[in-house]
Amino acid sequence: MFAEDIILKPVLTEKGYDGIASKKYTFVVKKDANKTQIKAAVEKIFGVQVAKVNTVTCKGKLKRMGRHEGYTPDYKKAIVTLKADSKSIEFFESLT
């Protein structure tokens, strides 16, 4: 599995923006990726040092369109905390 396949996209929410100051970044990752794979992928893609990784499996929401209803897909979210002496991720710095 390649690093680019594990990290799918960043999560750009208000709560996500609050973590940027303390070097906490949130990403949507593959559902079957574990913490060590996520850590290695972030270090390889962004060239930073990761202190810890927390993961959350989010259930899909119920959506209705007329008479039909179904669920949006489940996804996995990773909150990555960088070490204090590590550089920050440039992509998120332009957003603050």
PDB file of N, CA and C in Angstrom:
ATOM      1  N   MET A   1       0.846  -1.177   0.000  1.00  0.00           N
ATOM      2  CA  MET A   1       0.000   0.000   0.000  1.00  0.00           C
ATOM      3  C   MET A   1       0.894   1.244   0.000  1.00  0.00           C
ATOM      4  N   PHE A   2       0.613   2.186  -0.896  1.00  0.00           N
ATOM      5  CA  PHE A   2       1.382   3.415  -0.996  1.00  0.00           C
ATOM      6  C   PHE A   2       0.863   4.451  -0.018  1.00  0.00           C
ATOM      7  N   ALA A   3       1.725   5.401   0.340  1.00  0.00           N
ATOM      8  CA  ALA A   3       1.349   6.444   1.290  1.00  0.00           C
ATOM      9  C   ALA A   3       0.217   7.299   0.743  1.00  0.00           C
ATOM     10  N   GLU A   4       0.227   7.552  -0.563  1.00  0.00           N
ATOM     11  CA  GLU A   4      -0.813   8.383  -1.169  1.00  0.00           C
ATOM     12  C   GLU A   4      -2.175   7.682  -1.173  1.00  0.00           C
ATOM     13  N   ASP A   5      -2.169   6.360  -1.076  1.00  0.00           N
ATOM     14  CA  ASP A   5      -3.427   5.621  -1.035  1.00  0.00           C
ATOM     15  C   ASP A   5      -4.056   5.632   0.356  1.00  0.00           C
ATOM     16  N   ILE A   6      -3.257   5.828   1.394  1.00  0.00           N
ATOM     17  CA  ILE A   6      -3.759   5.792   2.769  1.00  0.00           C
ATOM     18  C   ILE A   6      -4.423   7.115   3.143  1.00  0.00           C
ATOM     19  N   ILE A   7      -3.757   8.241   2.873  1.00  0.00           N
ATOM     20  CA  ILE A   7      -4.308   9.560   3.181  1.00  0.00           C
ATOM     21  C   ILE A   7      -5.200   9.969   2.020  1.00  0.00           C
ATOM     22  N   LEU A   8      -6.515  10.081   2.252  1.00  0.00           N
ATOM     23  CA  LEU A   8      -7.446  10.391   1.178  1.00  0.00           C
ATOM     24  C   LEU A   8      -7.635  11.891   0.995  1.00  0.00           C
ATOM     25  N   LYS A   9      -7.915  12.621   2.093  1.00  0.00           N
ATOM     26  CA  LYS A   9      -8.109  14.064   1.989  1.00  0.00           C
ATOM     27  C   LYS A   9      -8.044  14.684   3.381  1.00  0.00           C
ATOM     28  N   PRO A  10      -7.750  15.981   3.462  1.00  0.00           N
ATOM     29  CA  PRO A  10      -7.777  16.655   4.762  1.00  0.00           C
ATOM     30  C   PRO A  10      -9.214  16.979   5.171  1.00  0.00           C
ATOM     31  N   VAL A  11      -9.426  17.095   6.471  1.00  0.00           N
ATOM     32  CA  VAL A  11     -10.727  17.490   6.996  1.00  0.00           C
ATOM     33  C   VAL A  11     -10.643  18.971   7.325  1.00  0.00           C
ATOM     34  N   LEU A  12     -11.435  19.789   6.625  1.00  0.00           N
ATOM     35  CA  LEU A  12     -11.392  21.234   6.795  1.00  0.00           C
ATOM     36  C   LEU A  12     -12.666  21.695   7.488  1.00  0.00           C
ATOM     37  N   THR A  13     -12.637  21.645   8.822  1.00  0.00           N
ATOM     38  CA  THR A  13     -13.778  22.055   9.630  1.00  0.00           C
ATOM     39  C   THR A  13     -13.297  23.047  10.682  1.00  0.00           C
ATOM     40  N   GLU A  14     -14.245  23.639  11.394  1.00  0.00           N
ATOM     41  CA  GLU A  14     -13.889  24.593  12.452  1.00  0.00           C
ATOM     42  C   GLU A  14     -13.047  23.928  13.529  1.00  0.00           C
ATOM     43  N   LYS A  15     -13.431  22.741  13.933  1.00  0.00           N
ATOM     44  CA  LYS A  15     -12.685  22.029  14.961  1.00  0.00           C
ATOM     45  C   LYS A  15     -11.295  21.656  14.444  1.00  0.00           C
ATOM     46  N   GLY A  16     -11.204  21.331  13.171  1.00  0.00           N
ATOM     47  CA  GLY A  16      -9.923  21.022  12.565  1.00  0.00           C
ATOM     48  C   GLY A  16      -9.001  22.229  12.533  1.00  0.00           C
ATOM     49  N   TYR A  17      -9.557  23.405  12.251  1.00  0.00           N
ATOM     50  CA  TYR A  17      -8.755  24.634  12.234  1.00  0.00           C
ATOM     51  C   TYR A  17      -8.211  24.970  13.619  1.00  0.00           C
ATOM     52  N   ASP A  18      -8.978  24.671  14.669  1.00  0.00           N
ATOM     53  CA  ASP A  18      -8.533  24.968  16.033  1.00  0.00           C
ATOM     54  C   ASP A  18      -7.304  24.157  16.416  1.00  0.00           C
ATOM     55  N   GLY A  19      -7.146  22.967  15.868  1.00  0.00           N
ATOM     56  CA  GLY A  19      -6.014  22.123  16.198  1.00  0.00           C
ATOM     57  C   GLY A  19      -4.723  22.491  15.504  1.00  0.00           C
ATOM     58  N   ILE A  20      -4.788  23.303  14.457  1.00  0.00           N
ATOM     59  CA  ILE A  20      -3.585  23.648  13.690  1.00  0.00           C
ATOM     60  C   ILE A  20      -2.564  24.378  14.558  1.00  0.00           C
ATOM     61  N   ALA A  21      -3.020  25.229  15.469  1.00  0.00           N
ATOM     62  CA  ALA A  21      -2.101  25.974  16.327  1.00  0.00           C
ATOM     63  C   ALA A  21      -1.305  25.040  17.236  1.00  0.00           C
ATOM     64  N   SER A  22      -1.886  23.935  17.659  1.00  0.00           N
ATOM     65  CA  SER A  22      -1.189  22.972  18.519  1.00  0.00           C
ATOM     66  C   SER A  22      -0.628  21.791  17.733  1.00  0.00           C
ATOM     67  N   LYS A  23      -0.462  21.971  16.405  1.00  0.00           N
ATOM     68  CA  LYS A  23       0.115  20.964  15.508  1.00  0.00           C
ATOM     69  C   LYS A  23      -0.681  19.661  15.484  1.00  0.00           C
ATOM     70  N   LYS A  24      -2.014  19.798  15.452  1.00  0.00           N
ATOM     71  CA  LYS A  24      -2.899  18.648  15.291  1.00  0.00           C
ATOM     72  C   LYS A  24      -3.615  18.803  13.955  1.00  0.00           C
ATOM     73  N   TYR A  25      -3.483  17.794  13.107  1.00  0.00           N
ATOM     74  CA  TYR A  25      -4.055  17.845  11.770  1.00  0.00           C
ATOM     75  C   TYR A  25      -4.977  16.648  11.577  1.00  0.00           C
ATOM     76  N   THR A  26      -6.086  16.866  10.864  1.00  0.00           N
ATOM     77  CA  THR A  26      -7.098  15.829  10.696  1.00  0.00           C
ATOM     78  C   THR A  26      -7.193  15.432   9.226  1.00  0.00           C
ATOM     79  N   PHE A  27      -7.237  14.118   8.974  1.00  0.00           N
ATOM     80  CA  PHE A  27      -7.323  13.587   7.624  1.00  0.00           C
ATOM     81  C   PHE A  27      -8.374  12.484   7.562  1.00  0.00           C
ATOM     82  N   VAL A  28      -8.985  12.320   6.389  1.00  0.00           N
ATOM     83  CA  VAL A  28      -9.798  11.141   6.109  1.00  0.00           C
ATOM     84  C   VAL A  28      -8.842  10.108   5.539  1.00  0.00           C
ATOM     85  N   VAL A  29      -8.867   8.901   6.097  1.00  0.00           N
ATOM     86  CA  VAL A  29      -7.935   7.849   5.690  1.00  0.00           C
ATOM     87  C   VAL A  29      -8.717   6.603   5.275  1.00  0.00           C
ATOM     88  N   LYS A  30      -8.018   5.642   4.666  1.00  0.00           N
ATOM     89  CA  LYS A  30      -8.659   4.379   4.289  1.00  0.00           C
ATOM     90  C   LYS A  30      -9.177   3.677   5.538  1.00  0.00           C
ATOM     91  N   LYS A  31     -10.297   2.987   5.392  1.00  0.00           N
ATOM     92  CA  LYS A  31     -10.915   2.336   6.556  1.00  0.00           C
ATOM     93  C   LYS A  31     -10.071   1.207   7.118  1.00  0.00           C
ATOM     94  N   ASP A  32      -9.275   0.552   6.283  1.00  0.00           N
ATOM     95  CA  ASP A  32      -8.489  -0.579   6.775  1.00  0.00           C
ATOM     96  C   ASP A  32      -7.055  -0.205   7.162  1.00  0.00           C
ATOM     97  N   ALA A  33      -6.717   1.086   7.159  1.00  0.00           N
ATOM     98  CA  ALA A  33      -5.372   1.516   7.545  1.00  0.00           C
ATOM     99  C   ALA A  33      -5.254   1.560   9.066  1.00  0.00           C
ATOM    100  N   ASN A  34      -4.101   1.119   9.586  1.00  0.00           N
ATOM    101  CA  ASN A  34      -3.888   1.186  11.032  1.00  0.00           C
ATOM    102  C   ASN A  34      -3.015   2.400  11.382  1.00  0.00           C
ATOM    103  N   LYS A  35      -2.787   2.611  12.673  1.00  0.00           N
ATOM    104  CA  LYS A  35      -2.095   3.818  13.123  1.00  0.00           C
ATOM    105  C   LYS A  35      -0.654   3.895  12.639  1.00  0.00           C
ATOM    106  N   THR A  36       0.049   2.776  12.605  1.00  0.00           N
ATOM    107  CA  THR A  36       1.440   2.809  12.157  1.00  0.00           C
ATOM    108  C   THR A  36       1.526   3.115  10.663  1.00  0.00           C
ATOM    109  N   GLN A  37       0.590   2.611   9.867  1.00  0.00           N
ATOM    110  CA  GLN A  37       0.569   2.933   8.444  1.00  0.00           C
ATOM    111  C   GLN A  37       0.252   4.411   8.215  1.00  0.00           C
ATOM    112  N   ILE A  38      -0.671   4.955   9.002  1.00  0.00           N
ATOM    113  CA  ILE A  38      -1.032   6.370   8.880  1.00  0.00           C
ATOM    114  C   ILE A  38       0.162   7.243   9.256  1.00  0.00           C
ATOM    115  N   LYS A  39       0.850   6.889  10.331  1.00  0.00           N
ATOM    116  CA  LYS A  39       2.022   7.650  10.768  1.00  0.00           C
ATOM    117  C   LYS A  39       3.100   7.659   9.690  1.00  0.00           C
ATOM    118  N   ALA A  40       3.388   6.504   9.117  1.00  0.00           N
ATOM    119  CA  ALA A  40       4.410   6.403   8.071  1.00  0.00           C
ATOM    120  C   ALA A  40       4.006   7.202   6.836  1.00  0.00           C
ATOM    121  N   ALA A  41       2.725   7.170   6.478  1.00  0.00           N
ATOM    122  CA  ALA A  41       2.255   7.891   5.296  1.00  0.00           C
ATOM    123  C   ALA A  41       2.376   9.400   5.468  1.00  0.00           C
ATOM    124  N   VAL A  42       1.988   9.925   6.635  1.00  0.00           N
ATOM    125  CA  VAL A  42       2.070  11.365   6.886  1.00  0.00           C
ATOM    126  C   VAL A  42       3.535  11.815   6.899  1.00  0.00           C
ATOM    127  N   GLU A  43       4.402  11.024   7.524  1.00  0.00           N
ATOM    128  CA  GLU A  43       5.819  11.383   7.556  1.00  0.00           C
ATOM    129  C   GLU A  43       6.425  11.381   6.158  1.00  0.00           C
ATOM    130  N   LYS A  44       6.012  10.448   5.323  1.00  0.00           N
ATOM    131  CA  LYS A  44       6.565  10.367   3.971  1.00  0.00           C
ATOM    132  C   LYS A  44       6.039  11.483   3.075  1.00  0.00           C
ATOM    133  N   ILE A  45       4.744  11.743   3.108  1.00  0.00           N
ATOM    134  CA  ILE A  45       4.147  12.734   2.207  1.00  0.00           C
ATOM    135  C   ILE A  45       4.558  14.156   2.571  1.00  0.00           C
ATOM    136  N   PHE A  46       4.492  14.505   3.866  1.00  0.00           N
ATOM    137  CA  PHE A  46       4.706  15.883   4.278  1.00  0.00           C
ATOM    138  C   PHE A  46       6.098  16.148   4.845  1.00  0.00           C
ATOM    139  N   GLY A  47       6.886  15.115   5.103  1.00  0.00           N
ATOM    140  CA  GLY A  47       8.236  15.300   5.623  1.00  0.00           C
ATOM    141  C   GLY A  47       8.264  15.868   7.031  1.00  0.00           C
ATOM    142  N   VAL A  48       7.399  15.372   7.906  1.00  0.00           N
ATOM    143  CA  VAL A  48       7.312  15.849   9.291  1.00  0.00           C
ATOM    144  C   VAL A  48       7.539  14.671  10.236  1.00  0.00           C
ATOM    145  N   GLN A  49       7.629  14.963  11.546  1.00  0.00           N
ATOM    146  CA  GLN A  49       7.780  13.926  12.563  1.00  0.00           C
ATOM    147  C   GLN A  49       6.480  13.831  13.350  1.00  0.00           C
ATOM    148  N   VAL A  50       5.895  12.649  13.376  1.00  0.00           N
ATOM    149  CA  VAL A  50       4.606  12.433  14.024  1.00  0.00           C
ATOM    150  C   VAL A  50       4.826  11.923  15.445  1.00  0.00           C
ATOM    151  N   ALA A  51       4.147  12.547  16.411  1.00  0.00           N
ATOM    152  CA  ALA A  51       4.221  12.112  17.801  1.00  0.00           C
ATOM    153  C   ALA A  51       3.190  11.016  18.073  1.00  0.00           C
ATOM    154  N   LYS A  52       1.931  11.238  17.669  1.00  0.00           N
ATOM    155  CA  LYS A  52       0.897  10.218  17.898  1.00  0.00           C
ATOM    156  C   LYS A  52      -0.225  10.359  16.890  1.00  0.00           C
ATOM    157  N   VAL A  53      -0.992   9.285  16.768  1.00  0.00           N
ATOM    158  CA  VAL A  53      -2.116   9.232  15.836  1.00  0.00           C
ATOM    159  C   VAL A  53      -3.334   8.704  16.582  1.00  0.00           C
ATOM    160  N   ASN A  54      -4.435   9.430  16.504  1.00  0.00           N
ATOM    161  CA  ASN A  54      -5.711   8.974  17.059  1.00  0.00           C
ATOM    162  C   ASN A  54      -6.653   8.744  15.888  1.00  0.00           C
ATOM    163  N   THR A  55      -7.429   7.658  15.929  1.00  0.00           N
ATOM    164  CA  THR A  55      -8.354   7.362  14.839  1.00  0.00           C
ATOM    165  C   THR A  55      -9.787   7.274  15.343  1.00  0.00           C
ATOM    166  N   VAL A  56     -10.714   7.633  14.461  1.00  0.00           N
ATOM    167  CA  VAL A  56     -12.142   7.591  14.758  1.00  0.00           C
ATOM    168  C   VAL A  56     -12.839   6.992  13.547  1.00  0.00           C
ATOM    169  N   THR A  57     -13.684   5.984  13.755  1.00  0.00           N
ATOM    170  CA  THR A  57     -14.496   5.436  12.682  1.00  0.00           C
ATOM    171  C   THR A  57     -15.859   6.111  12.746  1.00  0.00           C
ATOM    172  N   CYS A  58     -16.213   6.844  11.692  1.00  0.00           N
ATOM    173  CA  CYS A  58     -17.452   7.608  11.654  1.00  0.00           C
ATOM    174  C   CYS A  58     -18.501   6.855  10.848  1.00  0.00           C
ATOM    175  N   LYS A  59     -19.676   6.708  11.421  1.00  0.00           N
ATOM    176  CA  LYS A  59     -20.773   6.037  10.736  1.00  0.00           C
ATOM    177  C   LYS A  59     -21.415   6.996   9.742  1.00  0.00           C
ATOM    178  N   GLY A  60     -21.972   6.436   8.663  1.00  0.00           N
ATOM    179  CA  GLY A  60     -22.651   7.246   7.665  1.00  0.00           C
ATOM    180  C   GLY A  60     -23.972   7.792   8.195  1.00  0.00           C
ATOM    181  N   LYS A  61     -24.381   8.922   7.638  1.00  0.00           N
ATOM    182  CA  LYS A  61     -25.634   9.544   8.057  1.00  0.00           C
ATOM    183  C   LYS A  61     -26.793   9.032   7.212  1.00  0.00           C
ATOM    184  N   LEU A  62     -27.978   9.041   7.800  1.00  0.00           N
ATOM    185  CA  LEU A  62     -29.188   8.654   7.084  1.00  0.00           C
ATOM    186  C   LEU A  62     -29.630   9.816   6.196  1.00  0.00           C
ATOM    187  N   LYS A  63     -29.793   9.548   4.922  1.00  0.00           N
ATOM    188  CA  LYS A  63     -30.237  10.567   3.965  1.00  0.00           C
ATOM    189  C   LYS A  63     -31.486  10.049   3.267  1.00  0.00           C
ATOM    190  N   ARG A  64     -32.404  10.973   2.966  1.00  0.00           N
ATOM    191  CA  ARG A  64     -33.637  10.601   2.279  1.00  0.00           C
ATOM    192  C   ARG A  64     -33.773  11.423   1.017  1.00  0.00           C
ATOM    193  N   MET A  65     -34.237  10.769  -0.044  1.00  0.00           N
ATOM    194  CA  MET A  65     -34.576  11.459  -1.292  1.00  0.00           C
ATOM    195  C   MET A  65     -35.962  10.974  -1.691  1.00  0.00           C
ATOM    196  N   GLY A  66     -36.962  11.765  -1.344  1.00  0.00           N
ATOM    197  CA  GLY A  66     -38.337  11.353  -1.602  1.00  0.00           C
ATOM    198  C   GLY A  66     -38.713  10.168  -0.735  1.00  0.00           C
ATOM    199  N   ARG A  67     -39.156   9.089  -1.372  1.00  0.00           N
ATOM    200  CA  ARG A  67     -39.550   7.890  -0.632  1.00  0.00           C
ATOM    201  C   ARG A  67     -38.366   7.018  -0.257  1.00  0.00           C
ATOM    202  N   HIS A  68     -37.261   7.191  -0.951  1.00  0.00           N
ATOM    203  CA  HIS A  68     -36.113   6.320  -0.762  1.00  0.00           C
ATOM    204  C   HIS A  68     -35.164   6.876   0.285  1.00  0.00           C
ATOM    205  N   GLU A  69     -34.627   5.993   1.073  1.00  0.00           N
ATOM    206  CA  GLU A  69     -33.666   6.434   2.069  1.00  0.00           C
ATOM    207  C   GLU A  69     -32.494   5.469   2.092  1.00  0.00           C
ATOM    208  N   GLY A  70     -31.351   5.989   2.519  1.00  0.00           N
ATOM    209  CA  GLY A  70     -30.151   5.176   2.602  1.00  0.00           C
ATOM    210  C   GLY A  70     -29.108   5.900   3.440  1.00  0.00           C
ATOM    211  N   TYR A  71     -27.973   5.270   3.585  1.00  0.00           N
ATOM    212  CA  TYR A  71     -26.915   5.840   4.401  1.00  0.00           C
ATOM    213  C   TYR A  71     -25.747   6.278   3.532  1.00  0.00           C
ATOM    214  N   THR A  72     -25.099   7.374   3.915  1.00  0.00           N
ATOM    215  CA  THR A  72     -23.850   7.763   3.270  1.00  0.00           C
ATOM    216  C   THR A  72     -22.770   6.790   3.726  1.00  0.00           C
ATOM    217  N   PRO A  73     -21.666   6.681   2.997  1.00  0.00           N
ATOM    218  CA  PRO A  73     -20.652   5.694   3.367  1.00  0.00           C
ATOM    219  C   PRO A  73     -19.987   6.002   4.708  1.00  0.00           C
ATOM    220  N   ASP A  74     -19.587   4.932   5.416  1.00  0.00           N
ATOM    221  CA  ASP A  74     -18.783   5.092   6.621  1.00  0.00           C
ATOM    222  C   ASP A  74     -17.383   5.530   6.210  1.00  0.00           C
ATOM    223  N   TYR A  75     -16.679   6.222   7.107  1.00  0.00           N
ATOM    224  CA  TYR A  75     -15.312   6.631   6.817  1.00  0.00           C
ATOM    225  C   TYR A  75     -14.498   6.651   8.097  1.00  0.00           C
ATOM    226  N   LYS A  76     -13.185   6.693   7.942  1.00  0.00           N
ATOM    227  CA  LYS A  76     -12.274   6.708   9.078  1.00  0.00           C
ATOM    228  C   LYS A  76     -11.512   8.023   9.071  1.00  0.00           C
ATOM    229  N   LYS A  77     -11.399   8.620  10.240  1.00  0.00           N
ATOM    230  CA  LYS A  77     -10.754   9.916  10.398  1.00  0.00           C
ATOM    231  C   LYS A  77      -9.546   9.737  11.313  1.00  0.00           C
ATOM    232  N   ALA A  78      -8.430  10.377  10.972  1.00  0.00           N
ATOM    233  CA  ALA A  78      -7.218  10.294  11.787  1.00  0.00           C
ATOM    234  C   ALA A  78      -6.815  11.687  12.226  1.00  0.00           C
ATOM    235  N   ILE A  79      -6.582  11.859  13.535  1.00  0.00           N
ATOM    236  CA  ILE A  79      -6.064  13.108  14.087  1.00  0.00           C
ATOM    237  C   ILE A  79      -4.590  12.866  14.367  1.00  0.00           C
ATOM    238  N   VAL A  80      -3.731  13.567  13.633  1.00  0.00           N
ATOM    239  CA  VAL A  80      -2.286  13.367  13.703  1.00  0.00           C
ATOM    240  C   VAL A  80      -1.677  14.512  14.485  1.00  0.00           C
ATOM    241  N   THR A  81      -0.942  14.198  15.555  1.00  0.00           N
ATOM    242  CA  THR A  81      -0.247  15.198  16.350  1.00  0.00           C
ATOM    243  C   THR A  81       1.238  15.125  16.023  1.00  0.00           C
ATOM    244  N   LEU A  82       1.818  16.281  15.681  1.00  0.00           N
ATOM    245  CA  LEU A  82       3.237  16.330  15.342  1.00  0.00           C
ATOM    246  C   LEU A  82       4.073  16.597  16.585  1.00  0.00           C
ATOM    247  N   LYS A  83       5.364  16.230  16.519  1.00  0.00           N
ATOM    248  CA  LYS A  83       6.283  16.520  17.615  1.00  0.00           C
ATOM    249  C   LYS A  83       6.514  18.021  17.703  1.00  0.00           C
ATOM    250  N   ALA A  84       6.913  18.488  18.885  1.00  0.00           N
ATOM    251  CA  ALA A  84       7.082  19.930  19.113  1.00  0.00           C
ATOM    252  C   ALA A  84       8.183  20.522  18.240  1.00  0.00           C
ATOM    253  N   ASP A  85       9.246  19.763  17.987  1.00  0.00           N
ATOM    254  CA  ASP A  85      10.348  20.292  17.192  1.00  0.00           C
ATOM    255  C   ASP A  85      10.177  20.044  15.696  1.00  0.00           C
ATOM    256  N   SER A  86       9.062  19.441  15.277  1.00  0.00           N
ATOM    257  CA  SER A  86       8.809  19.169  13.860  1.00  0.00           C
ATOM    258  C   SER A  86       8.282  20.419  13.177  1.00  0.00           C
ATOM    259  N   LYS A  87       8.539  20.529  11.874  1.00  0.00           N
ATOM    260  CA  LYS A  87       7.985  21.651  11.125  1.00  0.00           C
ATOM    261  C   LYS A  87       6.497  21.405  10.897  1.00  0.00           C
ATOM    262  N   SER A  88       5.753  22.460  10.614  1.00  0.00           N
ATOM    263  CA  SER A  88       4.316  22.313  10.397  1.00  0.00           C
ATOM    264  C   SER A  88       4.053  21.963   8.933  1.00  0.00           C
ATOM    265  N   ILE A  89       2.834  21.565   8.640  1.00  0.00           N
ATOM    266  CA  ILE A  89       2.437  21.197   7.284  1.00  0.00           C
ATOM    267  C   ILE A  89       2.012  22.468   6.555  1.00  0.00           C
ATOM    268  N   GLU A  90       2.662  22.759   5.423  1.00  0.00           N
ATOM    269  CA  GLU A  90       2.442  24.025   4.712  1.00  0.00           C
ATOM    270  C   GLU A  90       1.022  24.170   4.199  1.00  0.00           C
ATOM    271  N   PHE A  91       0.398  23.057   3.799  1.00  0.00           N
ATOM    272  CA  PHE A  91      -0.958  23.120   3.262  1.00  0.00           C
ATOM    273  C   PHE A  91      -1.930  23.744   4.263  1.00  0.00           C
ATOM    274  N   PHE A  92      -1.819  23.374   5.520  1.00  0.00           N
ATOM    275  CA  PHE A  92      -2.725  23.891   6.545  1.00  0.00           C
ATOM    276  C   PHE A  92      -2.351  25.294   6.987  1.00  0.00           C
ATOM    277  N   GLU A  93      -1.077  25.677   6.879  1.00  0.00           N
ATOM    278  CA  GLU A  93      -0.656  27.004   7.321  1.00  0.00           C
ATOM    279  C   GLU A  93      -1.276  28.114   6.473  1.00  0.00           C
ATOM    280  N   SER A  94      -1.527  27.830   5.201  1.00  0.00           N
ATOM    281  CA  SER A  94      -2.128  28.848   4.325  1.00  0.00           C
ATOM    282  C   SER A  94      -3.600  29.070   4.663  1.00  0.00           C
ATOM    283  N   LEU A  95      -4.213  28.178   5.423  1.00  0.00           N
ATOM    284  CA  LEU A  95      -5.643  28.277   5.736  1.00  0.00           C
ATOM    285  C   LEU A  95      -5.934  29.090   6.993  1.00  0.00           C
ATOM    286  N   THR A  96      -4.945  29.290   7.846  1.00  0.00           N
ATOM    287  CA  THR A  96      -5.207  30.001   9.107  1.00  0.00           C
ATOM    288  C   THR A  96      -5.101  31.498   8.954  1.00  0.00           C
TER     289      THR A  96
END
